[in-house]
Every structure is written in C-alpha cells, then in structure tokens.
Protein backbone atom coordinates (compact mmCIF):
# COMPACT_ATOMS: atom_id res chain seq x y z
CA MET A 1 67.62 93.03 89.89
CA ASN A 2 70.36 92.04 86.80
CA ALA A 3 68.24 94.28 83.78
CA PRO A 4 69.60 96.88 82.59
CA LEU A 5 69.28 100.08 84.74
CA THR A 6 66.73 102.95 83.71
CA LEU A 7 65.97 105.42 86.05
CA SER A 8 63.83 108.00 85.89
CA GLU A 9 65.40 111.54 86.30
CA PRO A 10 62.98 113.94 88.25
CA ILE A 11 65.49 116.43 89.12
CA ALA A 12 67.98 117.00 86.36
CA PRO A 13 71.86 116.62 87.31
CA ILE A 14 74.10 119.98 87.05
CA ALA A 15 75.53 120.85 83.87
CA PHE A 16 78.81 122.02 83.88
CA GLU A 17 81.10 122.42 81.45
CA PRO A 18 84.28 120.05 81.47
CA GLU A 19 87.68 120.88 80.68
CA ASP A 20 88.69 117.53 79.71
CA ASP A 21 87.87 113.87 80.64
CA ALA A 22 88.62 114.33 84.28
CA ILE A 23 85.31 114.73 86.28
CA ILE A 24 87.68 115.44 89.43
CA ARG A 25 91.10 117.35 89.49
CA PHE A 26 92.81 118.12 92.98
CA GLU A 27 95.34 121.23 91.20
CA SER A 28 98.27 121.26 94.00
CA VAL A 29 95.67 121.27 96.81
CA SER A 30 97.00 121.80 100.24
CA LYS A 31 95.28 121.30 103.53
CA ARG A 32 96.01 122.98 106.98
CA PHE A 33 93.81 123.38 110.23
CA PRO A 34 94.06 124.96 113.01
CA ALA A 35 97.16 125.05 116.04
CA ARG A 36 97.50 120.93 117.88
CA ASN A 37 99.64 120.40 120.48
CA GLY A 38 101.13 124.17 120.34
CA GLN A 39 102.39 123.26 116.87
CA PRO A 40 101.13 125.95 114.53
CA PHE A 41 99.51 124.13 112.30
CA VAL A 42 98.32 120.59 111.35
CA ALA A 43 98.83 119.64 107.82
CA ALA A 44 96.52 117.16 106.23
CA LEU A 45 97.21 117.06 103.04
CA HIS A 46 100.26 118.99 101.06
CA GLU A 47 100.33 119.84 97.30
CA VAL A 48 98.09 117.17 95.96
CA ASP A 49 97.62 116.66 92.33
CA LEU A 50 94.86 114.22 91.50
CA SER A 51 92.69 113.25 88.81
CA VAL A 52 90.00 111.32 88.11
CA SER A 53 88.51 109.87 84.58
CA ARG A 54 85.05 110.50 83.98
CA GLY A 55 83.55 107.18 84.60
CA SER A 56 86.14 105.23 86.26
CA ILE A 57 86.54 103.83 89.25
CA LEU A 58 89.24 105.33 91.85
CA GLY A 59 90.19 104.10 95.01
CA VAL A 60 92.47 105.80 97.37
CA ILE A 61 94.67 104.11 100.14
CA GLY A 62 96.22 105.54 103.41
CA ARG A 63 96.92 104.48 106.72
CA SER A 64 94.83 106.48 109.86
CA GLY A 65 95.86 109.70 109.56
CA ALA A 66 97.05 110.10 106.16
CA GLY A 67 94.96 112.69 104.60
CA LYS A 68 92.09 110.12 102.70
CA SER A 69 89.00 111.65 104.87
CA THR A 70 90.03 115.26 104.50
CA LEU A 71 90.73 114.82 100.26
CA ILE A 72 86.85 113.38 99.94
CA ARG A 73 85.64 115.98 102.22
CA LEU A 74 87.17 118.33 99.88
CA VAL A 75 85.45 117.46 96.79
CA ASN A 76 81.83 118.43 97.65
CA GLY A 77 82.99 121.32 99.69
CA LEU A 78 82.55 120.13 103.30
CA GLU A 79 86.48 121.05 103.55
CA ARG A 80 87.70 124.38 101.98
CA PRO A 81 91.38 123.92 100.18
CA SER A 82 94.05 126.26 101.94
CA ALA A 83 95.83 126.41 98.93
CA GLY A 84 95.35 124.92 94.77
CA ARG A 85 92.59 124.16 93.50
CA VAL A 86 89.43 121.33 93.88
CA VAL A 87 87.15 120.85 90.45
CA VAL A 88 84.37 118.78 89.82
CA ASP A 89 82.78 118.43 86.24
CA GLY A 90 84.54 122.06 85.28
CA LEU A 91 82.83 123.72 88.57
CA GLU A 92 85.75 124.86 90.68
CA ILE A 93 84.27 123.55 94.19
CA SER A 94 86.87 125.27 96.63
CA SER A 95 85.66 128.90 95.30
CA LYS A 96 82.14 128.97 95.33
CA SER A 97 79.52 129.77 98.26
CA GLU A 98 77.54 127.71 100.15
CA ALA A 99 74.59 127.97 98.23
CA GLU A 100 76.66 127.24 94.91
CA LEU A 101 78.06 124.22 96.73
CA ARG A 102 74.37 122.58 97.96
CA ALA A 103 73.35 123.11 94.52
CA ALA A 104 76.27 121.47 93.34
CA ARG A 105 76.10 118.51 95.70
CA ARG A 106 72.56 117.00 93.88
CA SER A 107 75.77 115.72 91.15
CA ILE A 108 78.38 114.38 94.39
CA SER A 109 76.76 112.30 96.40
CA MET A 110 78.54 110.31 99.25
CA ILE A 111 78.51 106.81 101.26
CA PHE A 112 79.57 106.74 104.48
CA GLN A 113 81.17 103.63 107.10
CA HIS A 114 78.35 103.72 109.42
CA PHE A 115 75.64 104.78 106.90
CA ASN A 116 74.15 107.78 108.12
CA LEU A 117 70.71 107.09 107.76
CA LEU A 118 67.99 108.29 109.81
CA SER A 119 66.50 106.03 112.70
CA SER A 120 63.13 108.15 112.70
CA ARG A 121 62.62 106.79 108.73
CA THR A 122 61.66 104.12 106.90
CA ALA A 123 64.28 102.47 103.91
CA ALA A 124 61.90 104.54 101.68
CA GLU A 125 61.55 107.38 103.60
CA ASN A 126 65.29 107.70 103.76
CA VAL A 127 65.93 107.80 100.52
CA ALA A 128 63.29 109.97 99.59
CA LEU A 129 65.56 112.60 101.95
CA PRO A 130 67.02 114.30 99.25
CA LEU A 131 64.45 114.88 96.87
CA GLU A 132 62.47 116.19 99.67
CA VAL A 133 64.92 118.73 100.70
CA ALA A 134 65.76 119.54 96.51
CA GLY A 135 61.68 120.03 96.37
CA ALA A 136 60.66 117.25 93.85
CA ASP A 137 56.91 116.24 93.75
CA GLY A 138 55.15 113.62 95.61
CA ALA A 139 54.43 111.38 92.77
CA ALA A 140 58.43 111.82 91.19
CA ILE A 141 59.44 111.50 94.98
CA ARG A 142 57.58 107.43 95.19
CA ARG A 143 58.25 106.95 91.32
CA ARG A 144 62.16 107.21 92.16
CA VAL A 145 62.10 105.82 95.58
CA GLU A 146 60.82 102.82 94.39
CA GLU A 147 63.27 102.19 91.40
CA LEU A 148 66.14 102.87 93.47
CA LEU A 149 65.05 100.23 96.24
CA ASP A 150 64.40 97.75 92.93
CA LEU A 151 67.54 98.51 92.04
CA VAL A 152 69.65 97.75 95.31
CA GLY A 153 67.67 94.94 96.78
CA LEU A 154 65.05 96.03 99.32
CA SER A 155 62.44 96.67 97.32
CA ASP A 156 60.51 94.34 100.53
CA LYS A 157 61.99 95.96 102.98
CA ARG A 158 60.60 99.68 101.98
CA ASP A 159 59.03 100.10 105.35
CA ARG A 160 61.35 99.20 107.33
CA TYR A 161 63.14 100.76 109.83
CA PRO A 162 67.13 101.09 109.96
CA ALA A 163 67.14 98.91 113.46
CA GLU A 164 64.97 96.01 111.03
CA LEU A 165 67.99 95.82 108.61
CA SER A 166 71.27 94.34 108.69
CA GLY A 167 74.38 96.40 107.57
CA GLY A 168 74.60 95.41 104.56
CA GLN A 169 70.91 96.26 104.52
CA LYS A 170 71.34 99.40 105.82
CA GLN A 171 74.37 100.28 102.93
CA ARG A 172 72.27 99.41 100.30
CA VAL A 173 69.97 102.03 101.86
CA GLY A 174 72.51 104.51 101.86
CA ILE A 175 73.75 104.38 98.26
CA ALA A 176 69.76 104.29 96.75
CA ARG A 177 69.70 107.70 98.84
CA ALA A 178 73.06 108.56 97.28
CA LEU A 179 71.81 107.92 93.91
CA ALA A 180 68.03 109.84 94.39
CA THR A 181 69.32 113.04 92.68
CA ASN A 182 71.70 111.13 90.14
CA PRO A 183 74.03 112.47 90.42
CA LYS A 184 77.61 112.67 88.47
CA VAL A 185 80.12 111.37 91.10
CA LEU A 186 79.49 108.85 94.06
CA LEU A 187 82.36 109.27 97.37
CA SER A 188 82.74 106.03 99.30
CA ASP A 189 83.76 106.69 102.67
CA GLU A 190 84.92 103.56 104.47
CA ALA A 191 81.47 102.10 102.76
CA THR A 192 82.75 98.67 103.18
CA SER A 193 84.97 98.44 106.51
CA ALA A 194 82.17 98.18 108.76
CA LEU A 195 80.70 94.89 107.17
CA ASP A 196 82.04 91.22 107.18
CA PRO A 197 83.88 90.07 103.87
CA GLU A 198 80.74 88.41 102.39
CA THR A 199 78.49 91.22 102.88
CA THR A 200 81.63 93.65 101.21
CA ARG A 201 81.41 91.58 98.37
CA SER A 202 77.72 91.81 97.40
CA ILE A 203 78.30 96.26 98.08
CA LEU A 204 81.54 96.41 95.26
CA GLU A 205 79.59 93.91 93.08
CA LEU A 206 76.61 97.03 93.21
CA LEU A 207 79.15 99.71 92.66
CA ALA A 208 80.87 98.11 90.14
CA ARG A 209 77.74 97.53 88.54
CA ILE A 210 76.16 101.26 89.24
CA ASN A 211 79.38 102.63 88.07
CA ARG A 212 79.30 100.22 84.49
CA GLU A 213 75.12 100.40 83.70
CA LEU A 214 75.00 104.71 84.76
CA ASP A 215 77.96 105.60 83.95
CA LEU A 216 78.59 107.06 87.15
CA THR A 217 82.03 108.03 88.39
CA ILE A 218 82.92 106.70 91.88
CA LEU A 219 85.92 107.81 94.23
CA LEU A 220 86.48 105.61 97.42
CA ILE A 221 88.82 105.88 99.69
CA THR A 222 89.52 103.17 102.15
CA HIS A 223 92.65 101.46 104.24
CA GLU A 224 91.79 97.61 102.29
CA MET A 225 93.89 96.82 99.86
CA SER A 226 91.28 93.98 99.19
CA VAL A 227 88.79 96.57 98.09
CA ILE A 228 91.08 97.99 95.48
CA ARG A 229 91.58 95.53 93.85
CA SER A 230 88.03 94.18 93.82
CA ILE A 231 86.16 96.98 92.29
CA ALA A 232 88.89 99.88 90.93
CA ARG A 233 90.57 100.65 88.07
CA GLU A 234 93.68 103.24 89.01
CA VAL A 235 94.04 103.48 92.93
CA ALA A 236 96.13 106.50 94.46
CA VAL A 237 98.30 105.38 97.67
CA LEU A 238 98.56 108.67 100.34
CA ASP A 239 100.88 108.70 103.08
CA ALA A 240 100.80 111.68 105.36
CA GLY A 241 99.20 114.12 103.22
CA ARG A 242 101.00 112.90 99.92
CA ILE A 243 100.40 110.93 97.28
CA VAL A 244 103.36 108.86 97.16
CA GLU A 245 101.74 106.50 94.06
CA GLN A 246 99.42 106.26 91.30
CA GLY A 247 98.11 104.43 88.78
CA ASP A 248 96.60 101.25 87.14
CA VAL A 249 95.74 99.19 89.56
CA PHE A 250 97.42 96.11 88.07
CA ASP A 251 100.80 97.88 87.53
CA ILE A 252 100.53 99.04 91.46
CA PHE A 253 99.45 95.66 92.86
CA THR A 254 102.42 93.94 90.70
CA ARG A 255 105.13 96.27 90.50
CA PRO A 256 105.45 98.37 93.55
CA ARG A 257 107.78 101.48 94.01
CA HIS A 258 107.34 102.95 97.17
CA PRO A 259 107.59 101.33 100.33
CA VAL A 260 104.02 102.28 101.77
CA THR A 261 102.44 100.63 98.59
CA ARG A 262 105.22 97.37 99.30
CA SER A 263 103.86 97.34 103.38
CA PHE A 264 99.93 97.54 102.14
CA LEU A 265 100.51 94.23 100.07
CA SER A 266 102.57 92.24 102.27
CA GLU A 267 99.10 90.16 103.21
CA GLU A 268 98.22 90.77 99.06
CA THR A 269 98.87 88.14 96.14
CA GLY A 270 101.32 85.87 97.80
CA ARG A 271 103.50 88.37 99.16
CA ALA A 272 103.26 87.50 102.57
CA LEU A 273 106.10 85.67 103.78
CA PRO A 274 106.04 82.82 106.87
CA PRO A 275 106.99 83.65 110.18
CA SER A 276 109.61 81.47 110.49
CA LEU A 277 111.28 82.84 107.60
CA VAL A 278 110.80 86.66 108.41
CA LYS A 279 112.85 86.18 111.70
CA HIS A 280 115.79 84.48 110.12
CA LEU A 281 116.36 86.99 107.39
CA LEU A 282 119.79 88.54 107.40
CA PRO A 283 120.31 92.11 105.08
CA LYS A 284 123.83 90.53 103.42
CA PRO A 285 124.36 87.00 102.19
CA VAL A 286 126.03 84.47 104.52
CA PRO A 287 128.46 81.68 103.14
CA GLY A 288 126.27 78.94 101.64
CA GLY A 289 123.18 80.26 102.68
CA GLN A 290 120.10 81.09 100.91
CA THR A 291 119.02 84.23 99.12
CA VAL A 292 115.07 84.74 99.28
CA LEU A 293 113.19 86.31 95.89
CA ARG A 294 110.26 87.74 95.15
CA ILE A 295 108.83 87.12 91.49
CA ALA A 296 105.87 89.05 89.87
CA PHE A 297 104.22 87.23 87.49
CA ARG A 298 102.35 89.32 85.29
CA GLY A 299 100.02 88.42 81.73
CA ALA A 300 100.80 85.36 79.97
CA PHE A 301 103.77 84.46 82.01
CA ALA A 302 101.37 84.50 85.32
CA THR A 303 101.13 80.25 84.24
CA GLU A 304 104.30 79.88 82.86
CA PRO A 305 106.44 76.78 85.08
CA VAL A 306 109.48 79.31 85.17
CA ILE A 307 110.82 77.34 87.99
CA ALA A 308 111.17 74.27 85.97
CA ARG A 309 112.96 75.93 83.32
CA LEU A 310 115.17 77.64 85.75
CA ALA A 311 116.02 74.13 87.60
CA ARG A 312 116.06 72.88 83.82
CA ASP A 313 117.89 75.57 81.73
CA GLU A 314 120.10 76.72 84.51
CA ALA A 315 120.59 73.72 86.92
CA ILE A 316 119.46 76.46 89.65
CA GLU A 317 117.38 74.59 92.34
CA ALA A 318 114.41 77.21 93.70
CA ASN A 319 112.35 76.07 97.06
CA ILE A 320 109.08 77.70 96.81
CA VAL A 321 107.69 79.74 100.12
CA ALA A 322 105.12 81.20 99.39
CA GLY A 323 102.60 82.09 96.33
CA THR A 324 99.86 82.56 94.26
CA VAL A 325 98.46 82.51 90.84
CA ASP A 326 95.75 84.90 91.17
CA GLU A 327 93.55 87.61 88.41
CA ILE A 328 93.95 91.31 89.35
CA ALA A 329 91.70 93.89 87.61
CA GLY A 330 90.72 90.67 85.57
CA ARG A 331 94.25 90.06 84.62
CA PRO A 332 96.48 86.70 85.41
CA PHE A 333 98.73 87.81 88.22
CA GLY A 334 101.58 85.43 89.76
CA ALA A 335 103.66 85.60 92.96
CA LEU A 336 106.19 83.60 94.11
CA VAL A 337 108.67 83.54 97.14
CA VAL A 338 111.63 81.43 96.53
CA THR A 339 114.86 80.96 97.85
CA VAL A 340 118.37 80.01 95.47
CA PRO A 341 121.87 79.93 96.72
CA SER A 342 123.72 83.00 97.24
CA GLY A 343 126.57 84.26 95.45
CA PRO A 344 127.43 83.34 90.84
CA GLU A 345 123.51 81.17 91.39
CA THR A 346 121.48 84.33 92.75
CA GLU A 347 123.35 86.26 89.16
CA ARG A 348 122.32 83.58 87.12
CA ALA A 349 118.62 83.45 88.26
CA LEU A 350 118.04 87.22 88.14
CA ASN A 351 119.53 87.69 84.29
CA PHE A 352 117.39 84.24 83.60
CA LEU A 353 114.16 85.80 84.93
CA HIS A 354 114.97 89.02 83.68
CA SER A 355 116.25 88.01 79.98
CA GLU A 356 113.51 85.34 79.28
CA PHE A 357 110.26 86.26 80.19
CA GLY A 358 110.91 90.03 81.71
CA LEU A 359 109.26 88.99 84.94
CA GLY A 360 110.30 91.57 88.40
CA THR A 361 112.16 90.13 90.63
CA GLU A 362 112.80 91.46 94.81
CA VAL A 363 115.26 90.37 96.93
CA LEU A 364 114.12 90.27 99.89
CA GLY A 365 117.26 89.30 102.48
CA HIS A 366 119.16 85.99 102.73
CA VAL A 367 118.96 83.34 105.10
CA ALA A 368 122.08 80.87 106.63
C-alpha cells in the first residue's frame, strides 16, 4: 500500500498545450440561473478569477449557497458560464461541444459526497465502468482495475457490492473509479463530509498520496476548514458567489483578513472564545476593565515564551483564556486569546508584541 505508484495506462490522457503553470483557470467567470421567486435571475458566481497550479491541491471553502458546487461543475463542463472563460490544461472547456467534453472528461475526474456508485455492480465493476465506456479492451481493463483496487486498499473487496461496503470503502471505490482513465485533474465535491473523522483522515491521506506520487492536481470544495487544513496547499474562500480571499493555506489561516474567513476559523487553531467570555464582551473599554486580544504566533515564534516576556519586560500581566500550539501545512502556528488591562497597558502590549516579535494581534473586545 505504501510502495511507489506505477500505474499502467490503457488509455492515454488527452494531450493539451498549457498556456502557463495553471492547469485550471477561471477568467472573470459569472454564472446566472433562471428566475426564482419573481427575481429576473439568480447569480451563483460573480466575475470569479481563480487559478489552480499544476500538481497542487487547492481547496475552495464556502457556506451552503456560496456557489461551490456551481464552480466545480464548470470545470468539467456540467455547467456553462454565463460570462468569462474556464480553461483546463489549455482547453477552453466553456466553449466545447458535448462530444468534445466527453473526451476531455477522461482527464477531469470527480468524486462525490454520496459516492455515486452503481448498486448493481461490484467494486471491481464500478471501477471498470469508465474504461468500458472509453472502449478499452478486456485485458487492459482487468489489469487497471486490479492495480487501482490495490492502490486504494480494497483488493479483497473487489467482488463486494456497494451495500456490503462501509462509507469509507465506498469512497475508496469512487476514488479508484475516478483514476481509471489517468486524469490530470481530480475534482472533489464534499467527498468526506458524509464520513466520520477517522475515515475522513484516511481518505485525505490517500488523496494526498495520490497527489504526491501521481502529480495529480486536486480541486476540492468543502465547508470544513479542517479538510483544508489537512490537505490543501492553497485555499479560496467563496461567499455569495465571489472569491473574498485566497492564497497560501498557512497565510490565510494565520492572518485571515475577511470576516467570512474569520467566521470559518472561529473554532480552529485556538480562535474560539469561551462562551462565558463571549456574552460579556463589550465594544468599548471600561474603566478598570480588561481588553481581550488574540495573538497569532507564526513560524519560529510559535514556541517563544511571549507572555512571560510581556510580564518581565513590560510589567504587563496577561491572563490566558484560550489557545493552542499546532501545525498548519507543515509549519508551526500558535494562537492565544488573552486579557490585558485596558488603557495604556493595551497599547504597550500591542507595540511590544509587534516590535519584539512581529506577531499579528487582534482586539476582540473588552470586559469589565
């Protein structure tokens, strides 16, 4: 299971001439749907510009209705943009005929939240289906199916039907089927949201290995920051059809700029506040009160004794109310929520944290 992947190629991938290192590009893409509830149209996406680097894993996160599913369906031509261009590996998907799209989809595979397996077919038969549709010969199909089932750890389940498989096993069959035609791009539509945490971890580890060893580009959509944190290198935050923030996962997690991103991170990496503190937060300082600060520790400073230094060098006592030291995208990160005396001490604390350590700080509110 952990040996290097050496997969045969019964069907050659579609060869396109890339224009740059971005294998997927959205260029000012908008998507409108027909009228609902008396409105002239429903705008699902608004002038989206997005690039996915070849061989990378990019996560798109957004709440229900943000436009995530529409965005991912534009990549394989299941939806057409109302304006703008969608380009995959040099091919303008948004301008191709249905016949051309069928050929292109050999290089653009997809896995789904609810697996989409055929209940009347065994695991092996489900994996074989795209190869049968593509016209591969029987020997090539059998060889490919066996190596893919071995890749996803289901060689012993080849003759089982979906009803006999667990959720994680079904998703592994779905991944094997998606890899059957040697795609260059794998689209993941909330592929782990129906799974328990332990199974989710194992599926994400499998996707990371596939990305690493097959150099397969993965575009995944999710509403879970934990998924982005576990596997993605880049992230785009989608809200009401617009990309409101995008960039390196570590940078976005440690220095979120948009309120939507901050709300997604509210339960991540020490950002959550105790309920007893939340209900007493005030927008302005009060005499003799405390100011609540969030301090983000990045890189080498994640393990520095910052609070001890604040007390020793500035004589400011900081009370820790929440926090953690963790790792994001392989780099250490810490977050602390502390209270310090309101007034001049707050300004001194902020100046010290910035000048001595270059730490990001955020005033969350004040308490009496």
